[in-house]
C-alpha atoms as a PDB file:
ATOM      1  CA  MET A   1     -12.275  16.652  -3.231  1.00  0.00           C
ATOM      2  CA  ASP A   2     -14.988  15.252  -5.474  1.00  0.00           C
ATOM      3  CA  THR A   3     -17.083  14.184  -2.491  1.00  0.00           C
ATOM      4  CA  ILE A   4     -16.974  17.665  -0.948  1.00  0.00           C
ATOM      5  CA  ASP A   5     -17.860  19.256  -4.294  1.00  0.00           C
ATOM      6  CA  GLY A   6     -20.701  16.797  -4.891  1.00  0.00           C
ATOM      7  CA  LEU A   7     -22.205  17.048  -1.428  1.00  0.00           C
ATOM      8  CA  SER A   8     -22.016  20.834  -1.381  1.00  0.00           C
ATOM      9  CA  GLY A   9     -23.115  21.459  -4.957  1.00  0.00           C
ATOM     10  CA  GLY A  10     -25.963  19.152  -5.837  1.00  0.00           C
ATOM     11  CA  LYS A  11     -29.583  19.348  -4.765  1.00  0.00           C
ATOM     12  CA  THR A  12     -30.496  15.818  -5.795  1.00  0.00           C
ATOM     13  CA  LYS A  13     -28.723  12.475  -5.670  1.00  0.00           C
ATOM     14  CA  GLU A  14     -28.261  12.528  -9.441  1.00  0.00           C
ATOM     15  CA  GLU A  15     -26.761  16.046  -9.410  1.00  0.00           C
ATOM     16  CA  ARG A  16     -24.362  15.124  -6.611  1.00  0.00           C
ATOM     17  CA  LEU A  17     -23.182  12.008  -8.432  1.00  0.00           C
ATOM     18  CA  LYS A  18     -22.788  13.987 -11.681  1.00  0.00           C
ATOM     19  CA  ILE A  19     -20.668  16.651  -9.945  1.00  0.00           C
ATOM     20  CA  MET A  20     -18.511  13.923  -8.427  1.00  0.00           C
ATOM     21  CA  LYS A  21     -17.916  12.412 -11.897  1.00  0.00           C
ATOM     22  CA  ASP A  22     -16.694  15.774 -13.263  1.00  0.00           C
ATOM     23  CA  PRO A  23     -12.887  15.633 -13.655  1.00  0.00           C
ATOM     24  CA  SER A  24     -12.380  19.259 -12.608  1.00  0.00           C
ATOM     25  CA  SER A  25     -11.970  20.221  -8.965  1.00  0.00           C
ATOM     26  CA  GLY A  26     -14.171  22.816  -7.339  1.00  0.00           C
ATOM     27  CA  ALA A  27     -13.146  25.510  -4.883  1.00  0.00           C
ATOM     28  CA  LYS A  28     -14.782  23.813  -1.894  1.00  0.00           C
ATOM     29  CA  GLY A  29     -13.077  20.517  -2.611  1.00  0.00           C
ATOM     30  CA  THR A  30      -9.707  22.207  -3.001  1.00  0.00           C
ATOM     31  CA  VAL A  31     -10.119  24.138   0.256  1.00  0.00           C
ATOM     32  CA  GLY A  32     -11.180  20.909   1.966  1.00  0.00           C
ATOM     33  CA  LEU A  33      -8.095  19.076   0.715  1.00  0.00           C
ATOM     34  CA  VAL A  34      -5.722  21.850   1.801  1.00  0.00           C
ATOM     35  CA  GLY A  35      -7.409  21.994   5.215  1.00  0.00           C
ATOM     36  CA  LEU A  36      -7.213  18.223   5.607  1.00  0.00           C
ATOM     37  CA  MET A  37      -3.514  18.090   4.746  1.00  0.00           C
ATOM     38  CA  GLY A  38      -2.803  21.013   7.058  1.00  0.00           C
ATOM     39  CA  LEU A  39      -4.599  19.363   9.974  1.00  0.00           C
ATOM     40  CA  LYS A  40      -2.803  16.057   9.397  1.00  0.00           C
ATOM     41  CA  PHE A  41       0.548  17.840   9.308  1.00  0.00           C
ATOM     42  CA  LEU A  42      -0.152  19.814  12.497  1.00  0.00           C
ATOM     43  CA  LEU A  43      -1.380  16.753  14.375  1.00  0.00           C
ATOM     44  CA  LEU A  44       1.691  14.761  13.360  1.00  0.00           C
ATOM     45  CA  LEU A  45       3.913  17.588  14.596  1.00  0.00           C
ATOM     46  CA  GLU A  46       2.172  17.611  17.976  1.00  0.00           C
ATOM     47  CA  ILE A  47       2.037  13.869  18.645  1.00  0.00           C
ATOM     48  CA  GLU A  48       4.673  12.711  21.116  1.00  0.00           C
ATOM     49  CA  PRO A  49       7.850  11.546  19.313  1.00  0.00           C
ATOM     50  CA  PHE A  50       7.733   8.020  20.768  1.00  0.00           C
ATOM     51  CA  LEU A  51       4.259   7.546  19.208  1.00  0.00           C
ATOM     52  CA  LYS A  52       5.045   8.767  15.689  1.00  0.00           C
ATOM     53  CA  THR A  53       6.245   5.501  14.140  1.00  0.00           C
ATOM     54  CA  GLY A  54       3.225   3.589  15.424  1.00  0.00           C
ATOM     55  CA  THR A  55       0.942   6.410  14.333  1.00  0.00           C
ATOM     56  CA  LEU A  56       2.361   6.432  10.815  1.00  0.00           C
ATOM     57  CA  LEU A  57       1.945   2.643  10.605  1.00  0.00           C
ATOM     58  CA  LEU A  58      -1.552   2.474  12.043  1.00  0.00           C
ATOM     59  CA  THR A  59      -3.489   5.444  10.635  1.00  0.00           C
ATOM     60  CA  PRO A  60      -3.459   4.297   6.977  1.00  0.00           C
ATOM     61  CA  VAL A  61      -4.503   0.794   8.048  1.00  0.00           C
ATOM     62  CA  VAL A  62      -7.419   2.148  10.092  1.00  0.00           C
ATOM     63  CA  GLY A  63      -8.404   4.323   7.114  1.00  0.00           C
ATOM     64  CA  ARG A  64      -8.459   1.323   4.763  1.00  0.00           C
ATOM     65  CA  TRP A  65     -10.366  -0.719   7.351  1.00  0.00           C
ATOM     66  CA  SER A  66     -13.047   1.993   7.411  1.00  0.00           C
ATOM     67  CA  MET A  67     -13.414   1.640   3.645  1.00  0.00           C
ATOM     68  CA  VAL A  68     -14.025  -2.102   3.993  1.00  0.00           C
ATOM     69  CA  THR A  69     -16.507  -1.426   6.805  1.00  0.00           C
ATOM     70  CA  ALA A  70     -18.420   1.176   4.773  1.00  0.00           C
ATOM     71  CA  ALA A  71     -18.499  -1.146   1.755  1.00  0.00           C
ATOM     72  CA  TYR A  72     -20.009  -3.806   4.008  1.00  0.00           C
ATOM     73  CA  LEU A  73     -22.632  -1.417   5.446  1.00  0.00           C
ATOM     74  CA  ALA A  74     -23.863   0.381   2.329  1.00  0.00           C
ATOM     75  CA  PRO A  75     -24.889  -0.332  -1.258  1.00  0.00           C
ATOM     76  CA  TYR A  76     -23.190   1.147  -4.294  1.00  0.00           C
ATOM     77  CA  ALA A  77     -24.798   4.476  -5.247  1.00  0.00           C
ATOM     78  CA  ARG A  78     -24.273   4.301  -9.023  1.00  0.00           C
ATOM     79  CA  MET A  79     -25.364   1.864 -11.667  1.00  0.00           C
ATOM     80  CA  GLU A  80     -21.716   1.443 -12.733  1.00  0.00           C
ATOM     81  CA  GLY A  81     -18.264   2.765 -11.904  1.00  0.00           C
ATOM     82  CA  LEU A  82     -14.781   1.864 -10.741  1.00  0.00           C
ATOM     83  CA  GLY A  83     -15.824   1.375  -7.118  1.00  0.00           C
ATOM     84  CA  LYS A  84     -18.631  -1.050  -7.944  1.00  0.00           C
ATOM     85  CA  ALA A  85     -16.409  -4.138  -8.098  1.00  0.00           C
ATOM     86  CA  PHE A  86     -14.963  -3.368  -4.675  1.00  0.00           C
ATOM     87  CA  ILE A  87     -18.236  -2.431  -2.999  1.00  0.00           C
ATOM     88  CA  THR A  88     -20.367  -5.257  -4.393  1.00  0.00           C
ATOM     89  CA  ARG A  89     -17.848  -7.967  -3.440  1.00  0.00           C
ATOM     90  CA  LYS A  90     -18.359  -7.559   0.270  1.00  0.00           C
ATOM     91  CA  GLY A  91     -18.945 -10.378   2.679  1.00  0.00           C
ATOM     92  CA  LYS A  92     -18.773 -11.354   6.307  1.00  0.00           C
ATOM     93  CA  ARG A  93     -15.382 -12.987   5.847  1.00  0.00           C
ATOM     94  CA  THR A  94     -13.942  -9.799   4.366  1.00  0.00           C
ATOM     95  CA  ILE A  95     -15.104  -7.593   7.238  1.00  0.00           C
ATOM     96  CA  PHE A  96     -14.024 -10.226   9.770  1.00  0.00           C
ATOM     97  CA  TRP A  97     -10.452 -10.472   8.450  1.00  0.00           C
ATOM     98  CA  ALA A  98     -10.118  -6.721   7.987  1.00  0.00           C
ATOM     99  CA  SER A  99     -11.339  -6.090  11.539  1.00  0.00           C
ATOM    100  CA  LEU A 100      -9.155  -8.813  13.028  1.00  0.00           C
ATOM    101  CA  SER A 101      -6.069  -7.513  11.211  1.00  0.00           C
ATOM    102  CA  VAL A 102      -6.536  -3.884  12.254  1.00  0.00           C
ATOM    103  CA  THR A 103      -7.350  -4.884  15.839  1.00  0.00           C
ATOM    104  CA  LEU A 104      -4.274  -7.088  16.221  1.00  0.00           C
ATOM    105  CA  LEU A 105      -2.002  -4.460  14.691  1.00  0.00           C
ATOM    106  CA  GLY A 106      -3.538  -1.725  16.838  1.00  0.00           C
ATOM    107  CA  LEU A 107      -3.208  -3.717  20.046  1.00  0.00           C
ATOM    108  CA  VAL A 108       0.420  -4.558  19.280  1.00  0.00           C
ATOM    109  CA  ILE A 109       1.268  -0.904  18.598  1.00  0.00           C
ATOM    110  CA  PHE A 110      -0.866   0.956  21.157  1.00  0.00           C
ATOM    111  CA  LYS A 111      -2.082  -1.747  23.582  1.00  0.00           C
ATOM    112  CA  PHE A 112      -5.483  -1.047  25.156  1.00  0.00           C
ATOM    113  CA  PRO A 113      -5.707   2.668  24.243  1.00  0.00           C
ATOM    114  CA  PHE A 114      -6.216   1.370  20.698  1.00  0.00           C
ATOM    115  CA  LEU A 115      -9.743   0.316  21.685  1.00  0.00           C
ATOM    116  CA  TYR A 116     -10.607   4.001  22.178  1.00  0.00           C
ATOM    117  CA  ILE A 117      -9.047   4.897  18.812  1.00  0.00           C
ATOM    118  CA  ILE A 118     -10.889   2.186  16.890  1.00  0.00           C
ATOM    119  CA  GLY A 119     -14.137   2.900  18.745  1.00  0.00           C
ATOM    120  CA  VAL A 120     -14.081   6.554  17.726  1.00  0.00           C
ATOM    121  CA  CYS A 121     -13.161   5.594  14.155  1.00  0.00           C
ATOM    122  CA  LEU A 122     -15.960   3.017  13.998  1.00  0.00           C
ATOM    123  CA  GLY A 123     -18.477   5.600  15.192  1.00  0.00           C
ATOM    124  CA  ILE A 124     -17.362   8.145  12.586  1.00  0.00           C
ATOM    125  CA  THR A 125     -17.339   5.453   9.882  1.00  0.00           C
ATOM    126  CA  TYR A 126     -20.898   4.432  10.742  1.00  0.00           C
ATOM    127  CA  LEU A 127     -22.209   8.013  10.878  1.00  0.00           C
ATOM    128  CA  SER A 128     -20.431   8.949   7.632  1.00  0.00           C
ATOM    129  CA  THR A 129     -21.848   5.891   5.890  1.00  0.00           C
ATOM    130  CA  LEU A 130     -25.364   6.783   7.056  1.00  0.00           C
ATOM    131  CA  TYR A 131     -24.830  10.328   5.786  1.00  0.00           C
ATOM    132  CA  PHE A 132     -23.627   9.127   2.371  1.00  0.00           C
ATOM    133  CA  LYS A 133     -26.599   6.759   2.138  1.00  0.00           C
ATOM    134  CA  SER A 134     -29.034   9.565   2.966  1.00  0.00           C
ATOM    135  CA  ARG A 135     -27.492  12.037   0.490  1.00  0.00           C
ATOM    136  CA  MET A 136     -26.617   9.693  -2.388  1.00  0.00           C
ATOM    137  CA  GLY A 137     -28.382   6.426  -1.761  1.00  0.00           C
ATOM    138  CA  GLY A 138     -25.122   4.625  -1.026  1.00  0.00           C
ATOM    139  CA  ILE A 139     -21.395   4.977  -1.439  1.00  0.00           C
ATOM    140  CA  THR A 140     -19.015   5.350  -4.362  1.00  0.00           C
ATOM    141  CA  GLY A 141     -15.288   5.071  -4.849  1.00  0.00           C
ATOM    142  CA  ASP A 142     -15.065   8.827  -4.227  1.00  0.00           C
ATOM    143  CA  THR A 143     -16.917   8.605  -0.926  1.00  0.00           C
ATOM    144  CA  LEU A 144     -14.725   5.697   0.159  1.00  0.00           C
ATOM    145  CA  GLY A 145     -11.649   7.799  -0.555  1.00  0.00           C
ATOM    146  CA  ALA A 146     -13.125  10.696   1.412  1.00  0.00           C
ATOM    147  CA  LEU A 147     -13.994   8.359   4.270  1.00  0.00           C
ATOM    148  CA  ASN A 148     -10.426   7.040   4.297  1.00  0.00           C
ATOM    149  CA  GLU A 149      -9.129  10.590   4.732  1.00  0.00           C
ATOM    150  CA  ILE A 150     -11.727  11.420   7.403  1.00  0.00           C
ATOM    151  CA  ILE A 151     -10.816   8.313   9.393  1.00  0.00           C
ATOM    152  CA  GLU A 152      -7.074   8.869   9.078  1.00  0.00           C
ATOM    153  CA  LEU A 153      -7.653  12.369  10.489  1.00  0.00           C
ATOM    154  CA  THR A 154      -9.916  10.939  13.211  1.00  0.00           C
ATOM    155  CA  ALA A 155      -7.272   8.371  14.188  1.00  0.00           C
ATOM    156  CA  LEU A 156      -4.596  11.073  14.278  1.00  0.00           C
ATOM    157  CA  PHE A 157      -6.765  13.293  16.458  1.00  0.00           C
ATOM    158  CA  SER A 158      -7.583  10.367  18.769  1.00  0.00           C
ATOM    159  CA  ILE A 159      -3.898   9.497  19.181  1.00  0.00           C
ATOM    160  CA  TYR A 160      -3.075  13.174  19.731  1.00  0.00           C
ATOM    161  CA  SER A 161      -5.810  13.453  22.390  1.00  0.00           C
ATOM    162  CA  LEU A 162      -4.620  10.333  24.189  1.00  0.00           C
ATOM    163  CA  SER A 163      -1.005  11.497  24.072  1.00  0.00           C
ATOM    164  CA  LYS A 164      -1.923  14.873  25.587  1.00  0.00           C
ATOM    165  CA  ALA A 165      -3.909  13.079  28.297  1.00  0.00           C
ATOM    166  CA  ARG A 166      -0.748  11.054  29.004  1.00  0.00           C
ATOM    167  CA  VAL A 167      -2.641   7.778  28.536  1.00  0.00           C
ATOM    168  CA  PHE A 168       0.350   6.147  26.858  1.00  0.00           C
ATOM    169  CA  LEU A 169       2.609   6.906  29.824  1.00  0.00           C
ATOM    170  CA  SER A 170       0.532   5.067  32.424  1.00  0.00           C
END
């Protein structure tokens, strides 16, 4: 919610970061959260029953992997904050192990269609990270949380699309 409020309310990087620090929630952030939860719920209802367990196991893992990826790709936007320790302690080994773990889990659960799912999620992660860098000069704990939700929704939509295309039945 804070990320939506900050990105929609501030004209400068400093204003956006200040809005995101504010403990109160704005209308746009609240509407965004309700919309996100509604979309997740509807997608889960529509995914084929035999895919639901794997979907519920994989989507949070892909979301967390996107956070590690974004932390690897972008600097921290603030001088200090709770997310700084996580974002500044990035390294090649961290991204390697995170990527290997999510890939192995995804291939075990969804076989080769997982490569489509992770490819779409990687693209959205990269574009979102570029957007956060352009609007705030980097990422924060709030933007990582927002990215996690965006990628979970992206993974759900990708699985839904593949299930409707009957990819998992071939």
